[in-house]
Each structure stands twice: as C-alpha cells, then as structure tokens.
C-alpha cells in the first residue's frame, strides 16, 4: 500500500515476478474505503500465469460486479452483507476451471 492507502501496483508487479500460482485480493476495503483496480490486478496476474480469487464481500452490495468483464477466475461473497441470512454465500468459479478440478 502507498502512504495514501492505495494499492502499490509496482510492488505488486515485483511480487508477481516471483511466480505465484494464485492471487487473492479484496475488491473493496471496508477499513480503508478503497476500491482496488480489479481488472488490472487480474490482467497482471493472468499475464504472470496465476489464477485469481476476488473477495467481493464489500463490493457486491455496492457496485455492479461483472465477473466476465473482470475475467476473474474465482469470486466469493457472503449474503449477510446484502441483508441476507448469515452462514450462506456464493463461490463463483469459471466453468472450465471447475470442470478441471477433482470432484469431492
């Protein structure tokens, strides 16, 4: 993070050079009030060969979140942030990735 509380994309780029297989990040911070540049973060992760997981618990109730536009691989959010019952939520995954995973 920069001193202004914004994600430091140059530091992120340096971390991606280490070859992570998975990048997980929040879309919107309820602590800092910031919205991350999710499309850019996801694009950079994919260019580095990593899959992405987006924590959208804060953003789904407040923003229009388009998983196809973002090109996110997995996304999670809970119902209670949208005045729904506790204990339930959503885990989105791209069909091709889910089909390639072993079944439980």
PDB file of N, CA and C in Angstrom:
ATOM      1  N   UNK A   1       0.843  -1.180   0.000  1.00  0.00           N
ATOM      2  CA  UNK A   1       0.000   0.000   0.000  1.00  0.00           C
ATOM      3  C   UNK A   1       0.890   1.245   0.000  1.00  0.00           C
ATOM      4  N   UNK A   2       0.407   2.256  -0.670  1.00  0.00           N
ATOM      5  CA  UNK A   2       1.109   3.532  -0.639  1.00  0.00           C
ATOM      6  C   UNK A   2       0.724   4.264   0.647  1.00  0.00           C
ATOM      7  N   UNK A   3       1.355   5.392   0.904  1.00  0.00           N
ATOM      8  CA  UNK A   3       1.025   6.196   2.075  1.00  0.00           C
ATOM      9  C   UNK A   3      -0.396   6.713   2.060  1.00  0.00           C
ATOM     10  N   UNK A   4      -0.991   6.771   0.865  1.00  0.00           N
ATOM     11  CA  UNK A   4      -2.383   7.230   0.718  1.00  0.00           C
ATOM     12  C   UNK A   4      -3.381   6.093   0.875  1.00  0.00           C
ATOM     13  N   UNK A   5      -2.897   4.885   1.160  1.00  0.00           N
ATOM     14  CA  UNK A   5      -3.782   3.744   1.339  1.00  0.00           C
ATOM     15  C   UNK A   5      -4.236   3.100   0.042  1.00  0.00           C
ATOM     16  N   UNK A   6      -3.516   3.355  -1.043  1.00  0.00           N
ATOM     17  CA  UNK A   6      -3.852   2.799  -2.355  1.00  0.00           C
ATOM     18  C   UNK A   6      -2.883   1.659  -2.652  1.00  0.00           C
ATOM     19  N   UNK A   7      -3.377   0.640  -3.326  1.00  0.00           N
ATOM     20  CA  UNK A   7      -2.540  -0.490  -3.686  1.00  0.00           C
ATOM     21  C   UNK A   7      -1.370  -0.027  -4.551  1.00  0.00           C
ATOM     22  N   UNK A   8      -0.172  -0.456  -4.205  1.00  0.00           N
ATOM     23  CA  UNK A   8       1.049  -0.112  -4.938  1.00  0.00           C
ATOM     24  C   UNK A   8       1.239  -1.135  -6.063  1.00  0.00           C
ATOM     25  N   UNK A   9       0.841  -0.777  -7.266  1.00  0.00           N
ATOM     26  CA  UNK A   9       0.891  -1.715  -8.389  1.00  0.00           C
ATOM     27  C   UNK A   9       2.316  -2.072  -8.798  1.00  0.00           C
ATOM     28  N   UNK A  10       3.275  -1.196  -8.550  1.00  0.00           N
ATOM     29  CA  UNK A  10       4.672  -1.534  -8.862  1.00  0.00           C
ATOM     30  C   UNK A  10       5.188  -2.603  -7.898  1.00  0.00           C
ATOM     31  N   UNK A  11       4.824  -2.497  -6.634  1.00  0.00           N
ATOM     32  CA  UNK A  11       5.196  -3.539  -5.667  1.00  0.00           C
ATOM     33  C   UNK A  11       4.500  -4.846  -6.025  1.00  0.00           C
ATOM     34  N   UNK A  12       3.255  -4.759  -6.456  1.00  0.00           N
ATOM     35  CA  UNK A  12       2.510  -5.943  -6.887  1.00  0.00           C
ATOM     36  C   UNK A  12       3.194  -6.603  -8.085  1.00  0.00           C
ATOM     37  N   UNK A  13       3.616  -5.785  -9.052  1.00  0.00           N
ATOM     38  CA  UNK A  13       4.309  -6.310 -10.232  1.00  0.00           C
ATOM     39  C   UNK A  13       5.581  -7.051  -9.814  1.00  0.00           C
ATOM     40  N   UNK A  14       6.302  -6.493  -8.851  1.00  0.00           N
ATOM     41  CA  UNK A  14       7.518  -7.147  -8.361  1.00  0.00           C
ATOM     42  C   UNK A  14       7.196  -8.483  -7.707  1.00  0.00           C
ATOM     43  N   UNK A  15       6.123  -8.539  -6.952  1.00  0.00           N
ATOM     44  CA  UNK A  15       5.716  -9.796  -6.316  1.00  0.00           C
ATOM     45  C   UNK A  15       5.299 -10.833  -7.356  1.00  0.00           C
ATOM     46  N   UNK A  16       4.653 -10.386  -8.417  1.00  0.00           N
ATOM     47  CA  UNK A  16       4.256 -11.314  -9.484  1.00  0.00           C
ATOM     48  C   UNK A  16       5.469 -11.942 -10.160  1.00  0.00           C
ATOM     49  N   UNK A  17       6.597 -11.247 -10.151  1.00  0.00           N
ATOM     50  CA  UNK A  17       7.807 -11.799 -10.774  1.00  0.00           C
ATOM     51  C   UNK A  17       8.337 -13.013 -10.010  1.00  0.00           C
ATOM     52  N   UNK A  18       7.828 -13.243  -8.794  1.00  0.00           N
ATOM     53  CA  UNK A  18       8.227 -14.413  -8.007  1.00  0.00           C
ATOM     54  C   UNK A  18       7.484 -15.682  -8.440  1.00  0.00           C
ATOM     55  N   UNK A  19       6.518 -15.536  -9.338  1.00  0.00           N
ATOM     56  CA  UNK A  19       5.821 -16.694  -9.905  1.00  0.00           C
ATOM     57  C   UNK A  19       4.719 -17.296  -9.059  1.00  0.00           C
ATOM     58  N   UNK A  20       3.850 -16.484  -8.460  1.00  0.00           N
ATOM     59  CA  UNK A  20       2.751 -17.094  -7.694  1.00  0.00           C
ATOM     60  C   UNK A  20       1.799 -17.848  -8.608  1.00  0.00           C
ATOM     61  N   UNK A  21       1.143 -18.849  -8.049  1.00  0.00           N
ATOM     62  CA  UNK A  21       0.153 -19.614  -8.812  1.00  0.00           C
ATOM     63  C   UNK A  21      -1.258 -19.102  -8.564  1.00  0.00           C
ATOM     64  N   UNK A  22      -1.430 -18.359  -7.460  1.00  0.00           N
ATOM     65  CA  UNK A  22      -2.747 -17.862  -7.072  1.00  0.00           C
ATOM     66  C   UNK A  22      -2.597 -16.466  -6.470  1.00  0.00           C
ATOM     67  N   UNK A  23      -3.470 -15.553  -6.907  1.00  0.00           N
ATOM     68  CA  UNK A  23      -3.515 -14.199  -6.359  1.00  0.00           C
ATOM     69  C   UNK A  23      -4.914 -13.983  -5.803  1.00  0.00           C
ATOM     70  N   UNK A  24      -4.986 -13.659  -4.526  1.00  0.00           N
ATOM     71  CA  UNK A  24      -6.259 -13.415  -3.854  1.00  0.00           C
ATOM     72  C   UNK A  24      -6.238 -12.001  -3.299  1.00  0.00           C
ATOM     73  N   UNK A  25      -7.304 -11.249  -3.531  1.00  0.00           N
ATOM     74  CA  UNK A  25      -7.339  -9.867  -3.052  1.00  0.00           C
ATOM     75  C   UNK A  25      -8.774  -9.409  -2.866  1.00  0.00           C
ATOM     76  N   UNK A  26      -8.917  -8.331  -2.128  1.00  0.00           N
ATOM     77  CA  UNK A  26     -10.238  -7.774  -1.885  1.00  0.00           C
ATOM     78  C   UNK A  26     -10.561  -6.731  -2.943  1.00  0.00           C
ATOM     79  N   UNK A  27     -11.803  -6.656  -3.321  1.00  0.00           N
ATOM     80  CA  UNK A  27     -12.252  -5.701  -4.326  1.00  0.00           C
ATOM     81  C   UNK A  27     -12.481  -4.327  -3.710  1.00  0.00           C
ATOM     82  N   UNK A  28     -12.978  -4.309  -2.500  1.00  0.00           N
ATOM     83  CA  UNK A  28     -13.330  -3.057  -1.832  1.00  0.00           C
ATOM     84  C   UNK A  28     -13.045  -3.214  -0.342  1.00  0.00           C
ATOM     85  N   UNK A  29     -12.302  -2.276   0.219  1.00  0.00           N
ATOM     86  CA  UNK A  29     -11.938  -2.372   1.630  1.00  0.00           C
ATOM     87  C   UNK A  29     -12.935  -1.625   2.508  1.00  0.00           C
ATOM     88  N   UNK A  30     -13.472  -2.319   3.492  1.00  0.00           N
ATOM     89  CA  UNK A  30     -14.357  -1.633   4.437  1.00  0.00           C
ATOM     90  C   UNK A  30     -13.552  -0.917   5.519  1.00  0.00           C
ATOM     91  N   UNK A  31     -12.248  -1.155   5.575  1.00  0.00           N
ATOM     92  CA  UNK A  31     -11.376  -0.489   6.542  1.00  0.00           C
ATOM     93  C   UNK A  31     -10.856   0.828   5.974  1.00  0.00           C
ATOM     94  N   UNK A  32     -10.321   0.773   4.748  1.00  0.00           N
ATOM     95  CA  UNK A  32      -9.731   1.957   4.134  1.00  0.00           C
ATOM     96  C   UNK A  32     -10.696   2.718   3.232  1.00  0.00           C
ATOM     97  N   UNK A  33     -11.773   2.069   2.815  1.00  0.00           N
ATOM     98  CA  UNK A  33     -12.718   2.706   1.904  1.00  0.00           C
ATOM     99  C   UNK A  33     -12.209   2.779   0.476  1.00  0.00           C
ATOM    100  N   UNK A  34     -11.223   1.960   0.140  1.00  0.00           N
ATOM    101  CA  UNK A  34     -10.655   1.987  -1.205  1.00  0.00           C
ATOM    102  C   UNK A  34     -11.259   0.884  -2.068  1.00  0.00           C
ATOM    103  N   UNK A  35     -11.249   1.123  -3.357  1.00  0.00           N
ATOM    104  CA  UNK A  35     -11.667   0.133  -4.339  1.00  0.00           C
ATOM    105  C   UNK A  35     -10.430  -0.204  -5.160  1.00  0.00           C
ATOM    106  N   UNK A  36     -10.077  -1.467  -5.202  1.00  0.00           N
ATOM    107  CA  UNK A  36      -8.881  -1.865  -5.934  1.00  0.00           C
ATOM    108  C   UNK A  36      -9.155  -1.899  -7.434  1.00  0.00           C
ATOM    109  N   UNK A  37      -8.138  -1.661  -8.245  1.00  0.00           N
ATOM    110  CA  UNK A  37      -8.303  -1.759  -9.705  1.00  0.00           C
ATOM    111  C   UNK A  37      -8.313  -3.231 -10.115  1.00  0.00           C
ATOM    112  N   UNK A  38      -9.420  -3.896  -9.865  1.00  0.00           N
ATOM    113  CA  UNK A  38      -9.515  -5.351 -10.002  1.00  0.00           C
ATOM    114  C   UNK A  38      -9.180  -5.838 -11.407  1.00  0.00           C
ATOM    115  N   UNK A  39      -9.696  -5.172 -12.431  1.00  0.00           N
ATOM    116  CA  UNK A  39      -9.412  -5.629 -13.803  1.00  0.00           C
ATOM    117  C   UNK A  39      -7.920  -5.637 -14.078  1.00  0.00           C
ATOM    118  N   UNK A  40      -7.222  -4.593 -13.648  1.00  0.00           N
ATOM    119  CA  UNK A  40      -5.786  -4.506 -13.880  1.00  0.00           C
ATOM    120  C   UNK A  40      -5.024  -5.549 -13.066  1.00  0.00           C
ATOM    121  N   UNK A  41      -5.426  -5.738 -11.815  1.00  0.00           N
ATOM    122  CA  UNK A  41      -4.785  -6.736 -10.956  1.00  0.00           C
ATOM    123  C   UNK A  41      -4.953  -8.131 -11.552  1.00  0.00           C
ATOM    124  N   UNK A  42      -6.149  -8.430 -12.024  1.00  0.00           N
ATOM    125  CA  UNK A  42      -6.430  -9.738 -12.619  1.00  0.00           C
ATOM    126  C   UNK A  42      -5.660  -9.909 -13.920  1.00  0.00           C
ATOM    127  N   UNK A  43      -5.650  -8.886 -14.756  1.00  0.00           N
ATOM    128  CA  UNK A  43      -4.906  -8.960 -16.024  1.00  0.00           C
ATOM    129  C   UNK A  43      -3.429  -9.232 -15.758  1.00  0.00           C
ATOM    130  N   UNK A  44      -2.851  -8.516 -14.816  1.00  0.00           N
ATOM    131  CA  UNK A  44      -1.441  -8.696 -14.489  1.00  0.00           C
ATOM    132  C   UNK A  44      -1.176 -10.102 -13.943  1.00  0.00           C
ATOM    133  N   UNK A  45      -2.071 -10.598 -13.111  1.00  0.00           N
ATOM    134  CA  UNK A  45      -1.922 -11.946 -12.555  1.00  0.00           C
ATOM    135  C   UNK A  45      -1.961 -12.988 -13.665  1.00  0.00           C
ATOM    136  N   UNK A  46      -2.918 -12.849 -14.568  1.00  0.00           N
ATOM    137  CA  UNK A  46      -3.032 -13.798 -15.678  1.00  0.00           C
ATOM    138  C   UNK A  46      -1.787 -13.754 -16.560  1.00  0.00           C
ATOM    139  N   UNK A  47      -1.262 -12.564 -16.818  1.00  0.00           N
ATOM    140  CA  UNK A  47      -0.030 -12.445 -17.611  1.00  0.00           C
ATOM    141  C   UNK A  47       1.137 -13.152 -16.928  1.00  0.00           C
ATOM    142  N   UNK A  48       1.116 -13.201 -15.594  1.00  0.00           N
ATOM    143  CA  UNK A  48       2.168 -13.874 -14.827  1.00  0.00           C
ATOM    144  C   UNK A  48       1.889 -15.365 -14.668  1.00  0.00           C
ATOM    145  N   UNK A  49       0.745 -15.839 -15.197  1.00  0.00           N
ATOM    146  CA  UNK A  49       0.408 -17.256 -15.127  1.00  0.00           C
ATOM    147  C   UNK A  49      -0.318 -17.673 -13.867  1.00  0.00           C
ATOM    148  N   UNK A  50      -0.860 -16.716 -13.123  1.00  0.00           N
ATOM    149  CA  UNK A  50      -1.551 -17.026 -11.869  1.00  0.00           C
ATOM    150  C   UNK A  50      -3.065 -16.978 -12.042  1.00  0.00           C
ATOM    151  N   UNK A  51      -3.747 -17.786 -11.265  1.00  0.00           N
ATOM    152  CA  UNK A  51      -5.203 -17.718 -11.158  1.00  0.00           C
ATOM    153  C   UNK A  51      -5.548 -16.642 -10.141  1.00  0.00           C
ATOM    154  N   UNK A  52      -6.811 -16.190 -10.167  1.00  0.00           N
ATOM    155  CA  UNK A  52      -7.228 -15.119  -9.262  1.00  0.00           C
ATOM    156  C   UNK A  52      -8.457 -15.505  -8.449  1.00  0.00           C
ATOM    157  N   UNK A  53      -8.483 -15.006  -7.215  1.00  0.00           N
ATOM    158  CA  UNK A  53      -9.632 -15.143  -6.331  1.00  0.00           C
ATOM    159  C   UNK A  53      -9.961 -13.746  -5.817  1.00  0.00           C
ATOM    160  N   UNK A  54     -11.179 -13.313  -6.033  1.00  0.00           N
ATOM    161  CA  UNK A  54     -11.607 -11.981  -5.626  1.00  0.00           C
ATOM    162  C   UNK A  54     -12.556 -12.076  -4.435  1.00  0.00           C
ATOM    163  N   UNK A  55     -12.202 -11.388  -3.357  1.00  0.00           N
ATOM    164  CA  UNK A  55     -13.094 -11.251  -2.206  1.00  0.00           C
ATOM    165  C   UNK A  55     -14.009 -10.069  -2.508  1.00  0.00           C
ATOM    166  N   UNK A  56     -15.246 -10.359  -2.836  1.00  0.00           N
ATOM    167  CA  UNK A  56     -16.196  -9.324  -3.242  1.00  0.00           C
ATOM    168  C   UNK A  56     -17.266  -9.072  -2.182  1.00  0.00           C
ATOM    169  N   UNK A  57     -16.986  -9.437  -0.937  1.00  0.00           N
ATOM    170  CA  UNK A  57     -17.982  -9.280   0.127  1.00  0.00           C
ATOM    171  C   UNK A  57     -18.438  -7.837   0.284  1.00  0.00           C
ATOM    172  N   UNK A  58     -17.521  -6.894   0.123  1.00  0.00           N
ATOM    173  CA  UNK A  58     -17.881  -5.478   0.275  1.00  0.00           C
ATOM    174  C   UNK A  58     -18.413  -4.879  -1.022  1.00  0.00           C
ATOM    175  N   UNK A  59     -17.906  -5.339  -2.164  1.00  0.00           N
ATOM    176  CA  UNK A  59     -18.259  -4.690  -3.433  1.00  0.00           C
ATOM    177  C   UNK A  59     -19.596  -5.141  -4.011  1.00  0.00           C
ATOM    178  N   UNK A  60     -19.951  -6.398  -3.852  1.00  0.00           N
ATOM    179  CA  UNK A  60     -21.190  -6.891  -4.463  1.00  0.00           C
ATOM    180  C   UNK A  60     -22.422  -6.101  -4.012  1.00  0.00           C
ATOM    181  N   UNK A  61     -22.543  -5.739  -2.740  1.00  0.00           N
ATOM    182  CA  UNK A  61     -23.732  -4.974  -2.357  1.00  0.00           C
ATOM    183  C   UNK A  61     -23.725  -3.519  -2.844  1.00  0.00           C
ATOM    184  N   UNK A  62     -22.562  -2.998  -3.245  1.00  0.00           N
ATOM    185  CA  UNK A  62     -22.454  -1.567  -3.549  1.00  0.00           C
ATOM    186  C   UNK A  62     -22.103  -1.241  -4.993  1.00  0.00           C
ATOM    187  N   UNK A  63     -21.496  -2.171  -5.701  1.00  0.00           N
ATOM    188  CA  UNK A  63     -21.056  -1.922  -7.075  1.00  0.00           C
ATOM    189  C   UNK A  63     -21.684  -2.941  -8.017  1.00  0.00           C
ATOM    190  N   UNK A  64     -21.746  -2.619  -9.261  1.00  0.00           N
ATOM    191  CA  UNK A  64     -22.111  -3.611 -10.260  1.00  0.00           C
ATOM    192  C   UNK A  64     -20.872  -4.454 -10.541  1.00  0.00           C
ATOM    193  N   UNK A  65     -20.887  -5.723 -10.157  1.00  0.00           N
ATOM    194  CA  UNK A  65     -19.723  -6.590 -10.326  1.00  0.00           C
ATOM    195  C   UNK A  65     -20.003  -7.564 -11.466  1.00  0.00           C
ATOM    196  N   UNK A  66     -19.203  -7.473 -12.520  1.00  0.00           N
ATOM    197  CA  UNK A  66     -19.367  -8.306 -13.705  1.00  0.00           C
ATOM    198  C   UNK A  66     -18.171  -9.252 -13.790  1.00  0.00           C
ATOM    199  N   UNK A  67     -18.375 -10.526 -13.468  1.00  0.00           N
ATOM    200  CA  UNK A  67     -17.271 -11.483 -13.437  1.00  0.00           C
ATOM    201  C   UNK A  67     -16.648 -11.673 -14.822  1.00  0.00           C
ATOM    202  N   UNK A  68     -17.454 -11.568 -15.870  1.00  0.00           N
ATOM    203  CA  UNK A  68     -16.916 -11.732 -17.219  1.00  0.00           C
ATOM    204  C   UNK A  68     -16.059 -10.530 -17.609  1.00  0.00           C
ATOM    205  N   UNK A  69     -16.503  -9.342 -17.288  1.00  0.00           N
ATOM    206  CA  UNK A  69     -15.720  -8.146 -17.586  1.00  0.00           C
ATOM    207  C   UNK A  69     -14.411  -8.152 -16.799  1.00  0.00           C
ATOM    208  N   UNK A  70     -14.478  -8.551 -15.537  1.00  0.00           N
ATOM    209  CA  UNK A  70     -13.272  -8.611 -14.710  1.00  0.00           C
ATOM    210  C   UNK A  70     -12.343  -9.735 -15.147  1.00  0.00           C
ATOM    211  N   UNK A  71     -12.888 -10.804 -15.716  1.00  0.00           N
ATOM    212  CA  UNK A  71     -12.157 -12.011 -16.101  1.00  0.00           C
ATOM    213  C   UNK A  71     -11.573 -12.724 -14.879  1.00  0.00           C
ATOM    214  N   UNK A  72     -12.259 -12.601 -13.755  1.00  0.00           N
ATOM    215  CA  UNK A  72     -11.800 -13.238 -12.514  1.00  0.00           C
ATOM    216  C   UNK A  72     -12.040 -14.745 -12.586  1.00  0.00           C
ATOM    217  N   UNK A  73     -11.130 -15.510 -12.007  1.00  0.00           N
ATOM    218  CA  UNK A  73     -11.248 -16.960 -12.042  1.00  0.00           C
ATOM    219  C   UNK A  73     -12.214 -17.478 -10.978  1.00  0.00           C
ATOM    220  N   UNK A  74     -12.100 -16.945  -9.774  1.00  0.00           N
ATOM    221  CA  UNK A  74     -12.983 -17.302  -8.661  1.00  0.00           C
ATOM    222  C   UNK A  74     -13.358 -16.028  -7.919  1.00  0.00           C
ATOM    223  N   UNK A  75     -14.563 -15.995  -7.360  1.00  0.00           N
ATOM    224  CA  UNK A  75     -15.008 -14.847  -6.588  1.00  0.00           C
ATOM    225  C   UNK A  75     -15.912 -15.338  -5.456  1.00  0.00           C
ATOM    226  N   UNK A  76     -15.767 -14.737  -4.295  1.00  0.00           N
ATOM    227  CA  UNK A  76     -16.577 -15.140  -3.142  1.00  0.00           C
ATOM    228  C   UNK A  76     -17.209 -13.912  -2.488  1.00  0.00           C
ATOM    229  N   UNK A  77     -18.437 -14.109  -1.995  1.00  0.00           N
ATOM    230  CA  UNK A  77     -19.090 -13.081  -1.182  1.00  0.00           C
ATOM    231  C   UNK A  77     -20.152 -13.735  -0.319  1.00  0.00           C
ATOM    232  N   UNK A  78     -20.514 -13.050   0.743  1.00  0.00           N
ATOM    233  CA  UNK A  78     -21.486 -13.601   1.684  1.00  0.00           C
ATOM    234  C   UNK A  78     -22.818 -12.862   1.578  1.00  0.00           C
ATOM    235  N   UNK A  79     -23.878 -13.552   1.964  1.00  0.00           N
ATOM    236  CA  UNK A  79     -25.218 -12.980   1.863  1.00  0.00           C
ATOM    237  C   UNK A  79     -25.492 -11.924   2.925  1.00  0.00           C
ATOM    238  N   UNK A  80     -24.872 -12.039   4.101  1.00  0.00           N
ATOM    239  CA  UNK A  80     -25.218 -11.129   5.187  1.00  0.00           C
ATOM    240  C   UNK A  80     -24.843  -9.682   4.885  1.00  0.00           C
ATOM    241  N   UNK A  81     -23.913  -9.449   3.958  1.00  0.00           N
ATOM    242  CA  UNK A  81     -23.566  -8.075   3.577  1.00  0.00           C
ATOM    243  C   UNK A  81     -24.663  -7.436   2.732  1.00  0.00           C
ATOM    244  N   UNK A  82     -25.609  -8.272   2.253  1.00  0.00           N
ATOM    245  CA  UNK A  82     -26.729  -7.774   1.461  1.00  0.00           C
ATOM    246  C   UNK A  82     -28.043  -7.985   2.215  1.00  0.00           C
ATOM    247  N   UNK A  83     -27.950  -7.981   3.532  1.00  0.00           N
ATOM    248  CA  UNK A  83     -29.109  -8.159   4.416  1.00  0.00           C
ATOM    249  C   UNK A  83     -29.733  -9.547   4.285  1.00  0.00           C
ATOM    250  N   UNK A  84     -28.946 -10.506   3.834  1.00  0.00           N
ATOM    251  CA  UNK A  84     -29.411 -11.890   3.742  1.00  0.00           C
ATOM    252  C   UNK A  84     -29.073 -12.631   5.021  1.00  0.00           C
ATOM    253  N   UNK A  85     -29.423 -13.890   5.096  1.00  0.00           N
ATOM    254  CA  UNK A  85     -29.127 -14.674   6.297  1.00  0.00           C
ATOM    255  C   UNK A  85     -27.630 -14.946   6.443  1.00  0.00           C
ATOM    256  N   UNK A  86     -27.202 -15.105   7.673  1.00  0.00           N
ATOM    257  CA  UNK A  86     -25.804 -15.450   7.909  1.00  0.00           C
ATOM    258  C   UNK A  86     -25.583 -16.919   7.574  1.00  0.00           C
ATOM    259  N   UNK A  87     -24.344 -17.249   7.286  1.00  0.00           N
ATOM    260  CA  UNK A  87     -23.991 -18.642   7.043  1.00  0.00           C
ATOM    261  C   UNK A  87     -24.103 -19.106   5.611  1.00  0.00           C
ATOM    262  N   UNK A  88     -24.528 -18.218   4.706  1.00  0.00           N
ATOM    263  CA  UNK A  88     -24.581 -18.618   3.294  1.00  0.00           C
ATOM    264  C   UNK A  88     -23.851 -17.569   2.453  1.00  0.00           C
ATOM    265  N   UNK A  89     -23.441 -17.969   1.284  1.00  0.00           N
ATOM    266  CA  UNK A  89     -22.750 -17.058   0.388  1.00  0.00           C
ATOM    267  C   UNK A  89     -22.584 -17.696  -0.969  1.00  0.00           C
ATOM    268  N   UNK A  90     -21.724 -17.102  -1.765  1.00  0.00           N
ATOM    269  CA  UNK A  90     -21.510 -17.553  -3.131  1.00  0.00           C
ATOM    270  C   UNK A  90     -20.022 -17.737  -3.373  1.00  0.00           C
ATOM    271  N   UNK A  91     -19.673 -18.821  -4.030  1.00  0.00           N
ATOM    272  CA  UNK A  91     -18.339 -19.008  -4.558  1.00  0.00           C
ATOM    273  C   UNK A  91     -18.514 -19.219  -6.054  1.00  0.00           C
ATOM    274  N   UNK A  92     -18.120 -18.216  -6.821  1.00  0.00           N
ATOM    275  CA  UNK A  92     -18.178 -18.285  -8.279  1.00  0.00           C
ATOM    276  C   UNK A  92     -16.860 -18.854  -8.784  1.00  0.00           C
ATOM    277  N   UNK A  93     -16.923 -19.648  -9.827  1.00  0.00           N
ATOM    278  CA  UNK A  93     -15.726 -20.141 -10.497  1.00  0.00           C
ATOM    279  C   UNK A  93     -15.997 -20.289 -11.973  1.00  0.00           C
ATOM    280  N   UNK A  94     -14.973 -20.025 -12.782  1.00  0.00           N
ATOM    281  CA  UNK A  94     -15.117 -20.233 -14.223  1.00  0.00           C
ATOM    282  C   UNK A  94     -15.403 -21.712 -14.483  1.00  0.00           C
ATOM    283  N   UNK A  95     -16.322 -21.968 -15.386  1.00  0.00           N
ATOM    284  CA  UNK A  95     -16.748 -23.339 -15.673  1.00  0.00           C
ATOM    285  C   UNK A  95     -15.579 -24.251 -16.010  1.00  0.00           C
ATOM    286  N   UNK A  96     -14.698 -23.819 -16.884  1.00  0.00           N
ATOM    287  CA  UNK A  96     -13.563 -24.673 -17.305  1.00  0.00           C
ATOM    288  C   UNK A  96     -12.676 -25.035 -16.123  1.00  0.00           C
ATOM    289  N   UNK A  97     -12.482 -24.092 -15.207  1.00  0.00           N
ATOM    290  CA  UNK A  97     -11.654 -24.377 -14.029  1.00  0.00           C
ATOM    291  C   UNK A  97     -12.360 -25.353 -13.090  1.00  0.00           C
ATOM    292  N   UNK A  98     -13.650 -25.148 -12.892  1.00  0.00           N
ATOM    293  CA  UNK A  98     -14.406 -26.042 -12.005  1.00  0.00           C
ATOM    294  C   UNK A  98     -14.463 -27.447 -12.584  1.00  0.00           C
ATOM    295  N   UNK A  99     -14.644 -27.565 -13.887  1.00  0.00           N
ATOM    296  CA  UNK A  99     -14.703 -28.889 -14.510  1.00  0.00           C
ATOM    297  C   UNK A  99     -13.365 -29.611 -14.451  1.00  0.00           C
ATOM    298  N   UNK A 100     -12.267 -28.866 -14.416  1.00  0.00           N
ATOM    299  CA  UNK A 100     -10.936 -29.467 -14.357  1.00  0.00           C
ATOM    300  C   UNK A 100     -10.552 -29.909 -12.954  1.00  0.00           C
ATOM    301  N   UNK A 101     -11.272 -29.449 -11.963  1.00  0.00           N
ATOM    302  CA  UNK A 101     -10.970 -29.778 -10.569  1.00  0.00           C
ATOM    303  C   UNK A 101     -11.523 -31.161 -10.212  1.00  0.00           C
ATOM    304  N   UNK A 102     -10.839 -31.865  -9.313  1.00  0.00           N
ATOM    305  CA  UNK A 102     -11.369 -33.165  -8.886  1.00  0.00           C
ATOM    306  C   UNK A 102     -12.671 -32.986  -8.111  1.00  0.00           C
ATOM    307  N   UNK A 103     -13.566 -33.916  -8.281  1.00  0.00           N
ATOM    308  CA  UNK A 103     -14.849 -33.862  -7.574  1.00  0.00           C
ATOM    309  C   UNK A 103     -14.673 -34.387  -6.153  1.00  0.00           C
ATOM    310  N   UNK A 104     -15.497 -33.863  -5.273  1.00  0.00           N
ATOM    311  CA  UNK A 104     -15.454 -34.299  -3.880  1.00  0.00           C
ATOM    312  C   UNK A 104     -16.587 -35.256  -3.608  1.00  0.00           C
TER     313      UNK A 104
END
